[in-house]
Amino acid sequence: MVNPTIEDAVLSADLFVVLWSRSYALSRFCYDEIELALRRHAVGEIQLWIINLDGSDIVPPEARALPQALARTPHVLVALVRELLEHAEPARAVPGGE
């Protein structure tokens, strides 16, 4: 089960970025959060970006088919995120929001 604070964050997000690594794959908490994000992504509620930090295999079957980017150094990671943000879909308007 996802920690309530993490669950609230995933449920209120428009974008979920996975910084995948061998360590992420071994964490049951990370597995739970990506599963929640994958469910929301499947129904179009959230954008999901997977950035692979070490070239390790993506474990969740639903995530394997999604595009992923490889960023083995902090410099490459920053450049990649900047590029992705330039092309990201704008956040959806929230009913009743400004």
PDB file of N, CA and C in Angstrom:
ATOM      1  N   MET A   1       0.847  -1.178   0.000  1.00  0.00           N
ATOM      2  CA  MET A   1       0.000   0.000   0.000  1.00  0.00           C
ATOM      3  C   MET A   1       0.894   1.243   0.000  1.00  0.00           C
ATOM      4  N   VAL A   2       0.492   2.231  -0.768  1.00  0.00           N
ATOM      5  CA  VAL A   2       1.258   3.466  -0.887  1.00  0.00           C
ATOM      6  C   VAL A   2       1.070   4.313   0.367  1.00  0.00           C
ATOM      7  N   ASN A   3       2.153   4.914   0.828  1.00  0.00           N
ATOM      8  CA  ASN A   3       2.097   5.849   1.947  1.00  0.00           C
ATOM      9  C   ASN A   3       1.060   6.922   1.605  1.00  0.00           C
ATOM     10  N   PRO A   4       0.177   7.299   2.537  1.00  0.00           N
ATOM     11  CA  PRO A   4      -0.871   8.278   2.238  1.00  0.00           C
ATOM     12  C   PRO A   4      -0.348   9.601   1.662  1.00  0.00           C
ATOM     13  N   THR A   5       0.786  10.069   2.118  1.00  0.00           N
ATOM     14  CA  THR A   5       1.329  11.323   1.597  1.00  0.00           C
ATOM     15  C   THR A   5       1.739  11.168   0.138  1.00  0.00           C
ATOM     16  N   ILE A   6       2.383  10.060  -0.180  1.00  0.00           N
ATOM     17  CA  ILE A   6       2.776   9.796  -1.564  1.00  0.00           C
ATOM     18  C   ILE A   6       1.536   9.584  -2.429  1.00  0.00           C
ATOM     19  N   GLU A   7       0.580   8.844  -1.919  1.00  0.00           N
ATOM     20  CA  GLU A   7      -0.656   8.595  -2.658  1.00  0.00           C
ATOM     21  C   GLU A   7      -1.358   9.912  -2.988  1.00  0.00           C
ATOM     22  N   ASP A   8      -1.481  10.801  -2.015  1.00  0.00           N
ATOM     23  CA  ASP A   8      -2.108  12.106  -2.261  1.00  0.00           C
ATOM     24  C   ASP A   8      -1.363  12.872  -3.348  1.00  0.00           C
ATOM     25  N   ALA A   9      -0.033  12.833  -3.303  1.00  0.00           N
ATOM     26  CA  ALA A   9       0.763  13.548  -4.305  1.00  0.00           C
ATOM     27  C   ALA A   9       0.549  12.963  -5.694  1.00  0.00           C
ATOM     28  N   VAL A  10       0.552  11.648  -5.815  1.00  0.00           N
ATOM     29  CA  VAL A  10       0.343  11.009  -7.126  1.00  0.00           C
ATOM     30  C   VAL A  10      -1.070  11.284  -7.629  1.00  0.00           C
ATOM     31  N   LEU A  11      -2.039  11.248  -6.741  1.00  0.00           N
ATOM     32  CA  LEU A  11      -3.428  11.481  -7.149  1.00  0.00           C
ATOM     33  C   LEU A  11      -3.705  12.925  -7.547  1.00  0.00           C
ATOM     34  N   SER A  12      -2.911  13.863  -7.061  1.00  0.00           N
ATOM     35  CA  SER A  12      -3.147  15.268  -7.404  1.00  0.00           C
ATOM     36  C   SER A  12      -2.219  15.770  -8.512  1.00  0.00           C
ATOM     37  N   ALA A  13      -1.306  14.925  -8.975  1.00  0.00           N
ATOM     38  CA  ALA A  13      -0.323  15.343  -9.981  1.00  0.00           C
ATOM     39  C   ALA A  13      -0.873  15.249 -11.398  1.00  0.00           C
ATOM     40  N   ASP A  14      -0.361  16.118 -12.258  1.00  0.00           N
ATOM     41  CA  ASP A  14      -0.621  16.041 -13.694  1.00  0.00           C
ATOM     42  C   ASP A  14       0.512  15.321 -14.409  1.00  0.00           C
ATOM     43  N   LEU A  15       1.655  15.253 -13.756  1.00  0.00           N
ATOM     44  CA  LEU A  15       2.855  14.659 -14.327  1.00  0.00           C
ATOM     45  C   LEU A  15       3.561  13.840 -13.257  1.00  0.00           C
ATOM     46  N   PHE A  16       3.943  12.623 -13.616  1.00  0.00           N
ATOM     47  CA  PHE A  16       4.677  11.753 -12.699  1.00  0.00           C
ATOM     48  C   PHE A  16       5.974  11.362 -13.389  1.00  0.00           C
ATOM     49  N   VAL A  17       7.099  11.671 -12.768  1.00  0.00           N
ATOM     50  CA  VAL A  17       8.406  11.363 -13.335  1.00  0.00           C
ATOM     51  C   VAL A  17       9.032  10.242 -12.511  1.00  0.00           C
ATOM     52  N   VAL A  18       9.343   9.150 -13.175  1.00  0.00           N
ATOM     53  CA  VAL A  18      10.008   8.024 -12.538  1.00  0.00           C
ATOM     54  C   VAL A  18      11.494   8.122 -12.845  1.00  0.00           C
ATOM     55  N   LEU A  19      12.315   8.198 -11.818  1.00  0.00           N
ATOM     56  CA  LEU A  19      13.761   8.126 -11.981  1.00  0.00           C
ATOM     57  C   LEU A  19      14.141   6.674 -11.696  1.00  0.00           C
ATOM     58  N   TRP A  20      14.033   5.851 -12.750  1.00  0.00           N
ATOM     59  CA  TRP A  20      14.198   4.408 -12.618  1.00  0.00           C
ATOM     60  C   TRP A  20      15.657   4.041 -12.406  1.00  0.00           C
ATOM     61  N   SER A  21      15.875   3.071 -11.545  1.00  0.00           N
ATOM     62  CA  SER A  21      17.214   2.523 -11.301  1.00  0.00           C
ATOM     63  C   SER A  21      17.036   1.139 -10.689  1.00  0.00           C
ATOM     64  N   ARG A  22      18.130   0.430 -10.533  1.00  0.00           N
ATOM     65  CA  ARG A  22      18.062  -0.874  -9.857  1.00  0.00           C
ATOM     66  C   ARG A  22      17.500  -0.711  -8.438  1.00  0.00           C
ATOM     67  N   SER A  23      17.911   0.341  -7.760  1.00  0.00           N
ATOM     68  CA  SER A  23      17.416   0.579  -6.396  1.00  0.00           C
ATOM     69  C   SER A  23      15.919   0.851  -6.390  1.00  0.00           C
ATOM     70  N   TYR A  24      15.433   1.638  -7.363  1.00  0.00           N
ATOM     71  CA  TYR A  24      13.998   1.908  -7.467  1.00  0.00           C
ATOM     72  C   TYR A  24      13.255   0.591  -7.653  1.00  0.00           C
ATOM     73  N   ALA A  25      13.783  -0.274  -8.532  1.00  0.00           N
ATOM     74  CA  ALA A  25      13.127  -1.546  -8.828  1.00  0.00           C
ATOM     75  C   ALA A  25      13.017  -2.444  -7.593  1.00  0.00           C
ATOM     76  N   LEU A  26      13.935  -2.308  -6.663  1.00  0.00           N
ATOM     77  CA  LEU A  26      13.940  -3.149  -5.472  1.00  0.00           C
ATOM     78  C   LEU A  26      13.060  -2.621  -4.333  1.00  0.00           C
ATOM     79  N   SER A  27      12.578  -1.400  -4.457  1.00  0.00           N
ATOM     80  CA  SER A  27      11.798  -0.790  -3.390  1.00  0.00           C
ATOM     81  C   SER A  27      10.314  -1.098  -3.542  1.00  0.00           C
ATOM     82  N   ARG A  28       9.729  -1.711  -2.528  1.00  0.00           N
ATOM     83  CA  ARG A  28       8.288  -1.991  -2.592  1.00  0.00           C
ATOM     84  C   ARG A  28       7.479  -0.695  -2.596  1.00  0.00           C
ATOM     85  N   PHE A  29       7.994   0.344  -1.942  1.00  0.00           N
ATOM     86  CA  PHE A  29       7.279   1.621  -1.918  1.00  0.00           C
ATOM     87  C   PHE A  29       7.278   2.257  -3.310  1.00  0.00           C
ATOM     88  N   CYS A  30       8.416   2.182  -3.992  1.00  0.00           N
ATOM     89  CA  CYS A  30       8.498   2.714  -5.352  1.00  0.00           C
ATOM     90  C   CYS A  30       7.598   1.916  -6.291  1.00  0.00           C
ATOM     91  N   TYR A  31       7.569   0.596  -6.108  1.00  0.00           N
ATOM     92  CA  TYR A  31       6.694  -0.240  -6.928  1.00  0.00           C
ATOM     93  C   TYR A  31       5.236   0.181  -6.747  1.00  0.00           C
ATOM     94  N   ASP A  32       4.828   0.412  -5.509  1.00  0.00           N
ATOM     95  CA  ASP A  32       3.451   0.829  -5.241  1.00  0.00           C
ATOM     96  C   ASP A  32       3.136   2.164  -5.897  1.00  0.00           C
ATOM     97  N   GLU A  33       4.059   3.122  -5.813  1.00  0.00           N
ATOM     98  CA  GLU A  33       3.776   4.444  -6.388  1.00  0.00           C
ATOM     99  C   GLU A  33       3.728   4.388  -7.907  1.00  0.00           C
ATOM    100  N   ILE A  34       4.601   3.604  -8.540  1.00  0.00           N
ATOM    101  CA  ILE A  34       4.550   3.527  -9.998  1.00  0.00           C
ATOM    102  C   ILE A  34       3.285   2.796 -10.452  1.00  0.00           C
ATOM    103  N   GLU A  35       2.840   1.803  -9.708  1.00  0.00           N
ATOM    104  CA  GLU A  35       1.599   1.114 -10.051  1.00  0.00           C
ATOM    105  C   GLU A  35       0.415   2.082 -10.022  1.00  0.00           C
ATOM    106  N   LEU A  36       0.351   2.930  -9.009  1.00  0.00           N
ATOM    107  CA  LEU A  36      -0.708   3.937  -8.931  1.00  0.00           C
ATOM    108  C   LEU A  36      -0.605   4.908 -10.102  1.00  0.00           C
ATOM    109  N   ALA A  37       0.582   5.366 -10.403  1.00  0.00           N
ATOM    110  CA  ALA A  37       0.773   6.280 -11.530  1.00  0.00           C
ATOM    111  C   ALA A  37       0.420   5.607 -12.854  1.00  0.00           C
ATOM    112  N   LEU A  38       0.770   4.338 -13.010  1.00  0.00           N
ATOM    113  CA  LEU A  38       0.435   3.611 -14.237  1.00  0.00           C
ATOM    114  C   LEU A  38      -1.074   3.478 -14.418  1.00  0.00           C
ATOM    115  N   ARG A  39      -1.793   3.232 -13.325  1.00  0.00           N
ATOM    116  CA  ARG A  39      -3.266   3.151 -13.412  1.00  0.00           C
ATOM    117  C   ARG A  39      -3.853   4.485 -13.866  1.00  0.00           C
ATOM    118  N   ARG A  40      -3.349   5.582 -13.298  1.00  0.00           N
ATOM    119  CA  ARG A  40      -3.844   6.909 -13.699  1.00  0.00           C
ATOM    120  C   ARG A  40      -3.457   7.225 -15.140  1.00  0.00           C
ATOM    121  N   HIS A  41      -2.251   6.827 -15.536  1.00  0.00           N
ATOM    122  CA  HIS A  41      -1.789   7.056 -16.906  1.00  0.00           C
ATOM    123  C   HIS A  41      -2.652   6.286 -17.913  1.00  0.00           C
ATOM    124  N   ALA A  42      -3.021   5.064 -17.574  1.00  0.00           N
ATOM    125  CA  ALA A  42      -3.806   4.211 -18.472  1.00  0.00           C
ATOM    126  C   ALA A  42      -5.163   4.820 -18.818  1.00  0.00           C
ATOM    127  N   VAL A  43      -5.697   5.631 -17.915  1.00  0.00           N
ATOM    128  CA  VAL A  43      -7.004   6.253 -18.172  1.00  0.00           C
ATOM    129  C   VAL A  43      -6.868   7.728 -18.554  1.00  0.00           C
ATOM    130  N   GLY A  44      -5.631   8.161 -18.829  1.00  0.00           N
ATOM    131  CA  GLY A  44      -5.402   9.515 -19.312  1.00  0.00           C
ATOM    132  C   GLY A  44      -5.437  10.608 -18.265  1.00  0.00           C
ATOM    133  N   GLU A  45      -5.264  10.250 -17.001  1.00  0.00           N
ATOM    134  CA  GLU A  45      -5.327  11.252 -15.937  1.00  0.00           C
ATOM    135  C   GLU A  45      -3.983  11.895 -15.617  1.00  0.00           C
ATOM    136  N   ILE A  46      -2.898  11.317 -16.109  1.00  0.00           N
ATOM    137  CA  ILE A  46      -1.577  11.800 -15.728  1.00  0.00           C
ATOM    138  C   ILE A  46      -0.581  11.503 -16.859  1.00  0.00           C
ATOM    139  N   GLN A  47       0.367  12.393 -17.044  1.00  0.00           N
ATOM    140  CA  GLN A  47       1.496  12.108 -17.925  1.00  0.00           C
ATOM    141  C   GLN A  47       2.516  11.325 -17.103  1.00  0.00           C
ATOM    142  N   LEU A  48       3.171  10.372 -17.731  1.00  0.00           N
ATOM    143  CA  LEU A  48       4.151   9.542 -17.035  1.00  0.00           C
ATOM    144  C   LEU A  48       5.435   9.507 -17.840  1.00  0.00           C
ATOM    145  N   TRP A  49       6.501   9.990 -17.233  1.00  0.00           N
ATOM    146  CA  TRP A  49       7.822   9.972 -17.853  1.00  0.00           C
ATOM    147  C   TRP A  49       8.694   8.992 -17.092  1.00  0.00           C
ATOM    148  N   ILE A  50       9.399   8.136 -17.824  1.00  0.00           N
ATOM    149  CA  ILE A  50      10.341   7.218 -17.206  1.00  0.00           C
ATOM    150  C   ILE A  50      11.740   7.592 -17.675  1.00  0.00           C
ATOM    151  N   ILE A  51      12.567   7.956 -16.723  1.00  0.00           N
ATOM    152  CA  ILE A  51      13.963   8.285 -17.006  1.00  0.00           C
ATOM    153  C   ILE A  51      14.807   7.227 -16.313  1.00  0.00           C
ATOM    154  N   ASN A  52      15.502   6.443 -17.117  1.00  0.00           N
ATOM    155  CA  ASN A  52      16.303   5.339 -16.617  1.00  0.00           C
ATOM    156  C   ASN A  52      17.702   5.854 -16.299  1.00  0.00           C
ATOM    157  N   LEU A  53      18.085   5.744 -15.049  1.00  0.00           N
ATOM    158  CA  LEU A  53      19.361   6.294 -14.596  1.00  0.00           C
ATOM    159  C   LEU A  53      20.548   5.355 -14.766  1.00  0.00           C
ATOM    160  N   ASP A  54      20.277   4.062 -14.900  1.00  0.00           N
ATOM    161  CA  ASP A  54      21.405   3.127 -14.962  1.00  0.00           C
ATOM    162  C   ASP A  54      21.264   2.050 -16.029  1.00  0.00           C
ATOM    163  N   GLY A  55      20.272   2.153 -16.882  1.00  0.00           N
ATOM    164  CA  GLY A  55      20.099   1.181 -17.960  1.00  0.00           C
ATOM    165  C   GLY A  55      19.503  -0.142 -17.519  1.00  0.00           C
ATOM    166  N   SER A  56      19.025  -0.227 -16.278  1.00  0.00           N
ATOM    167  CA  SER A  56      18.438  -1.477 -15.795  1.00  0.00           C
ATOM    168  C   SER A  56      17.067  -1.711 -16.432  1.00  0.00           C
ATOM    169  N   ASP A  57      16.653  -2.973 -16.430  1.00  0.00           N
ATOM    170  CA  ASP A  57      15.377  -3.354 -17.027  1.00  0.00           C
ATOM    171  C   ASP A  57      14.208  -2.747 -16.251  1.00  0.00           C
ATOM    172  N   ILE A  58      13.215  -2.288 -17.001  1.00  0.00           N
ATOM    173  CA  ILE A  58      11.975  -1.806 -16.398  1.00  0.00           C
ATOM    174  C   ILE A  58      11.165  -3.040 -16.004  1.00  0.00           C
ATOM    175  N   VAL A  59      10.723  -3.105 -14.763  1.00  0.00           N
ATOM    176  CA  VAL A  59      10.096  -4.309 -14.235  1.00  0.00           C
ATOM    177  C   VAL A  59       8.581  -4.368 -14.464  1.00  0.00           C
ATOM    178  N   PRO A  60       7.794  -3.354 -14.078  1.00  0.00           N
ATOM    179  CA  PRO A  60       6.340  -3.497 -14.226  1.00  0.00           C
ATOM    180  C   PRO A  60       5.955  -3.678 -15.702  1.00  0.00           C
ATOM    181  N   PRO A  61       5.202  -4.730 -16.021  1.00  0.00           N
ATOM    182  CA  PRO A  61       4.848  -4.995 -17.419  1.00  0.00           C
ATOM    183  C   PRO A  61       4.193  -3.810 -18.121  1.00  0.00           C
ATOM    184  N   GLU A  62       3.318  -3.079 -17.429  1.00  0.00           N
ATOM    185  CA  GLU A  62       2.626  -1.950 -18.043  1.00  0.00           C
ATOM    186  C   GLU A  62       3.588  -0.818 -18.392  1.00  0.00           C
ATOM    187  N   ALA A  63       4.707  -0.746 -17.695  1.00  0.00           N
ATOM    188  CA  ALA A  63       5.675   0.326 -17.923  1.00  0.00           C
ATOM    189  C   ALA A  63       6.668  -0.021 -19.035  1.00  0.00           C
ATOM    190  N   ARG A  64       6.840  -1.295 -19.319  1.00  0.00           N
ATOM    191  CA  ARG A  64       7.837  -1.713 -20.309  1.00  0.00           C
ATOM    192  C   ARG A  64       7.564  -1.160 -21.699  1.00  0.00           C
ATOM    193  N   ALA A  65       6.292  -1.006 -22.044  1.00  0.00           N
ATOM    194  CA  ALA A  65       5.929  -0.530 -23.379  1.00  0.00           C
ATOM    195  C   ALA A  65       5.998   0.989 -23.499  1.00  0.00           C
ATOM    196  N   LEU A  66       6.126   1.678 -22.389  1.00  0.00           N
ATOM    197  CA  LEU A  66       6.163   3.139 -22.420  1.00  0.00           C
ATOM    198  C   LEU A  66       7.546   3.622 -22.847  1.00  0.00           C
ATOM    199  N   PRO A  67       7.593   4.789 -23.483  1.00  0.00           N
ATOM    200  CA  PRO A  67       8.904   5.336 -23.829  1.00  0.00           C
ATOM    201  C   PRO A  67       9.710   5.626 -22.573  1.00  0.00           C
ATOM    202  N   GLN A  68      10.998   5.451 -22.692  1.00  0.00           N
ATOM    203  CA  GLN A  68      11.881   5.801 -21.588  1.00  0.00           C
ATOM    204  C   GLN A  68      13.116   6.475 -22.160  1.00  0.00           C
ATOM    205  N   ALA A  69      13.703   7.310 -21.350  1.00  0.00           N
ATOM    206  CA  ALA A  69      14.929   7.998 -21.737  1.00  0.00           C
ATOM    207  C   ALA A  69      16.032   7.534 -20.794  1.00  0.00           C
ATOM    208  N   LEU A  70      17.250   7.495 -21.307  1.00  0.00           N
ATOM    209  CA  LEU A  70      18.400   7.092 -20.509  1.00  0.00           C
ATOM    210  C   LEU A  70      19.198   8.329 -20.136  1.00  0.00           C
ATOM    211  N   ALA A  71      19.470   8.500 -18.855  1.00  0.00           N
ATOM    212  CA  ALA A  71      20.249   9.642 -18.369  1.00  0.00           C
ATOM    213  C   ALA A  71      21.195   9.125 -17.291  1.00  0.00           C
ATOM    214  N   ARG A  72      22.399   8.781 -17.683  1.00  0.00           N
ATOM    215  CA  ARG A  72      23.347   8.166 -16.745  1.00  0.00           C
ATOM    216  C   ARG A  72      24.137   9.169 -15.909  1.00  0.00           C
ATOM    217  N   THR A  73      24.066  10.459 -16.248  1.00  0.00           N
ATOM    218  CA  THR A  73      24.796  11.460 -15.468  1.00  0.00           C
ATOM    219  C   THR A  73      23.844  12.583 -15.066  1.00  0.00           C
ATOM    220  N   PRO A  74      24.158  13.304 -14.002  1.00  0.00           N
ATOM    221  CA  PRO A  74      23.305  14.431 -13.602  1.00  0.00           C
ATOM    222  C   PRO A  74      23.159  15.480 -14.707  1.00  0.00           C
ATOM    223  N   HIS A  75      24.229  15.747 -15.439  1.00  0.00           N
ATOM    224  CA  HIS A  75      24.176  16.738 -16.523  1.00  0.00           C
ATOM    225  C   HIS A  75      23.175  16.312 -17.599  1.00  0.00           C
ATOM    226  N   VAL A  76      23.225  15.049 -17.993  1.00  0.00           N
ATOM    227  CA  VAL A  76      22.298  14.538 -19.001  1.00  0.00           C
ATOM    228  C   VAL A  76      20.869  14.569 -18.457  1.00  0.00           C
ATOM    229  N   LEU A  77      20.688  14.228 -17.190  1.00  0.00           N
ATOM    230  CA  LEU A  77      19.360  14.249 -16.575  1.00  0.00           C
ATOM    231  C   LEU A  77      18.756  15.642 -16.618  1.00  0.00           C
ATOM    232  N   VAL A  78      19.514  16.650 -16.228  1.00  0.00           N
ATOM    233  CA  VAL A  78      19.012  18.032 -16.238  1.00  0.00           C
ATOM    234  C   VAL A  78      18.655  18.460 -17.658  1.00  0.00           C
ATOM    235  N   ALA A  79      19.520  18.177 -18.605  1.00  0.00           N
ATOM    236  CA  ALA A  79      19.254  18.557 -19.999  1.00  0.00           C
ATOM    237  C   ALA A  79      18.005  17.851 -20.530  1.00  0.00           C
ATOM    238  N   LEU A  80      17.853  16.588 -20.197  1.00  0.00           N
ATOM    239  CA  LEU A  80      16.699  15.822 -20.642  1.00  0.00           C
ATOM    240  C   LEU A  80      15.401  16.360 -20.058  1.00  0.00           C
ATOM    241  N   VAL A  81      15.393  16.633 -18.773  1.00  0.00           N
ATOM    242  CA  VAL A  81      14.177  17.156 -18.130  1.00  0.00           C
ATOM    243  C   VAL A  81      13.812  18.517 -18.721  1.00  0.00           C
ATOM    244  N   ARG A  82      14.798  19.365 -18.946  1.00  0.00           N
ATOM    245  CA  ARG A  82      14.509  20.663 -19.578  1.00  0.00           C
ATOM    246  C   ARG A  82      13.866  20.474 -20.942  1.00  0.00           C
ATOM    247  N   GLU A  83      14.406  19.556 -21.732  1.00  0.00           N
ATOM    248  CA  GLU A  83      13.847  19.299 -23.060  1.00  0.00           C
ATOM    249  C   GLU A  83      12.423  18.745 -22.966  1.00  0.00           C
ATOM    250  N   LEU A  84      12.214  17.810 -22.071  1.00  0.00           N
ATOM    251  CA  LEU A  84      10.879  17.239 -21.907  1.00  0.00           C
ATOM    252  C   LEU A  84       9.873  18.295 -21.456  1.00  0.00           C
ATOM    253  N   LEU A  85      10.283  19.172 -20.547  1.00  0.00           N
ATOM    254  CA  LEU A  85       9.374  20.216 -20.067  1.00  0.00           C
ATOM    255  C   LEU A  85       8.996  21.187 -21.179  1.00  0.00           C
ATOM    256  N   GLU A  86       9.906  21.437 -22.099  1.00  0.00           N
ATOM    257  CA  GLU A  86       9.601  22.318 -23.231  1.00  0.00           C
ATOM    258  C   GLU A  86       8.500  21.738 -24.103  1.00  0.00           C
ATOM    259  N   HIS A  87       8.395  20.419 -24.142  1.00  0.00           N
ATOM    260  CA  HIS A  87       7.427  19.752 -25.006  1.00  0.00           C
ATOM    261  C   HIS A  87       6.264  19.128 -24.246  1.00  0.00           C
ATOM    262  N   ALA A  88       6.198  19.364 -22.952  1.00  0.00           N
ATOM    263  CA  ALA A  88       5.150  18.756 -22.117  1.00  0.00           C
ATOM    264  C   ALA A  88       3.793  19.331 -22.460  1.00  0.00           C
ATOM    265  N   GLU A  89       2.794  18.498 -22.279  1.00  0.00           N
ATOM    266  CA  GLU A  89       1.421  18.964 -22.442  1.00  0.00           C
ATOM    267  C   GLU A  89       1.111  19.935 -21.317  1.00  0.00           C
ATOM    268  N   PRO A  90       0.363  21.006 -21.614  1.00  0.00           N
ATOM    269  CA  PRO A  90       0.008  21.921 -20.526  1.00  0.00           C
ATOM    270  C   PRO A  90      -0.900  21.226 -19.519  1.00  0.00           C
ATOM    271  N   ALA A  91      -0.809  21.671 -18.286  1.00  0.00           N
ATOM    272  CA  ALA A  91      -1.659  21.114 -17.223  1.00  0.00           C
ATOM    273  C   ALA A  91      -3.115  21.384 -17.553  1.00  0.00           C
ATOM    274  N   ARG A  92      -3.953  20.409 -17.222  1.00  0.00           N
ATOM    275  CA  ARG A  92      -5.381  20.572 -17.466  1.00  0.00           C
ATOM    276  C   ARG A  92      -5.968  21.592 -16.506  1.00  0.00           C
ATOM    277  N   ALA A  93      -6.959  22.308 -16.976  1.00  0.00           N
ATOM    278  CA  ALA A  93      -7.645  23.266 -16.113  1.00  0.00           C
ATOM    279  C   ALA A  93      -8.455  22.502 -15.068  1.00  0.00           C
ATOM    280  N   VAL A  94      -8.426  22.989 -13.866  1.00  0.00           N
ATOM    281  CA  VAL A  94      -9.184  22.384 -12.776  1.00  0.00           C
ATOM    282  C   VAL A  94     -10.516  23.102 -12.678  1.00  0.00           C
ATOM    283  N   PRO A  95     -11.644  22.369 -12.723  1.00  0.00           N
ATOM    284  CA  PRO A  95     -12.942  23.035 -12.598  1.00  0.00           C
ATOM    285  C   PRO A  95     -13.006  23.862 -11.320  1.00  0.00           C
ATOM    286  N   GLY A  96     -13.402  25.104 -11.441  1.00  0.00           N
ATOM    287  CA  GLY A  96     -13.500  25.995 -10.305  1.00  0.00           C
ATOM    288  C   GLY A  96     -12.192  26.674  -9.969  1.00  0.00           C
ATOM    289  N   GLY A  97     -11.106  26.281 -10.658  1.00  0.00           N
ATOM    290  CA  GLY A  97      -9.795  26.880 -10.414  1.00  0.00           C
ATOM    291  C   GLY A  97      -9.608  28.109 -11.270  1.00  0.00           C
ATOM    292  N   GLU A  98      -8.500  28.815 -11.045  1.00  0.00           N
ATOM    293  CA  GLU A  98      -8.231  30.032 -11.813  1.00  0.00           C
ATOM    294  C   GLU A  98      -7.302  29.761 -12.945  1.00  0.00           C
TER     295      GLU A  98
END
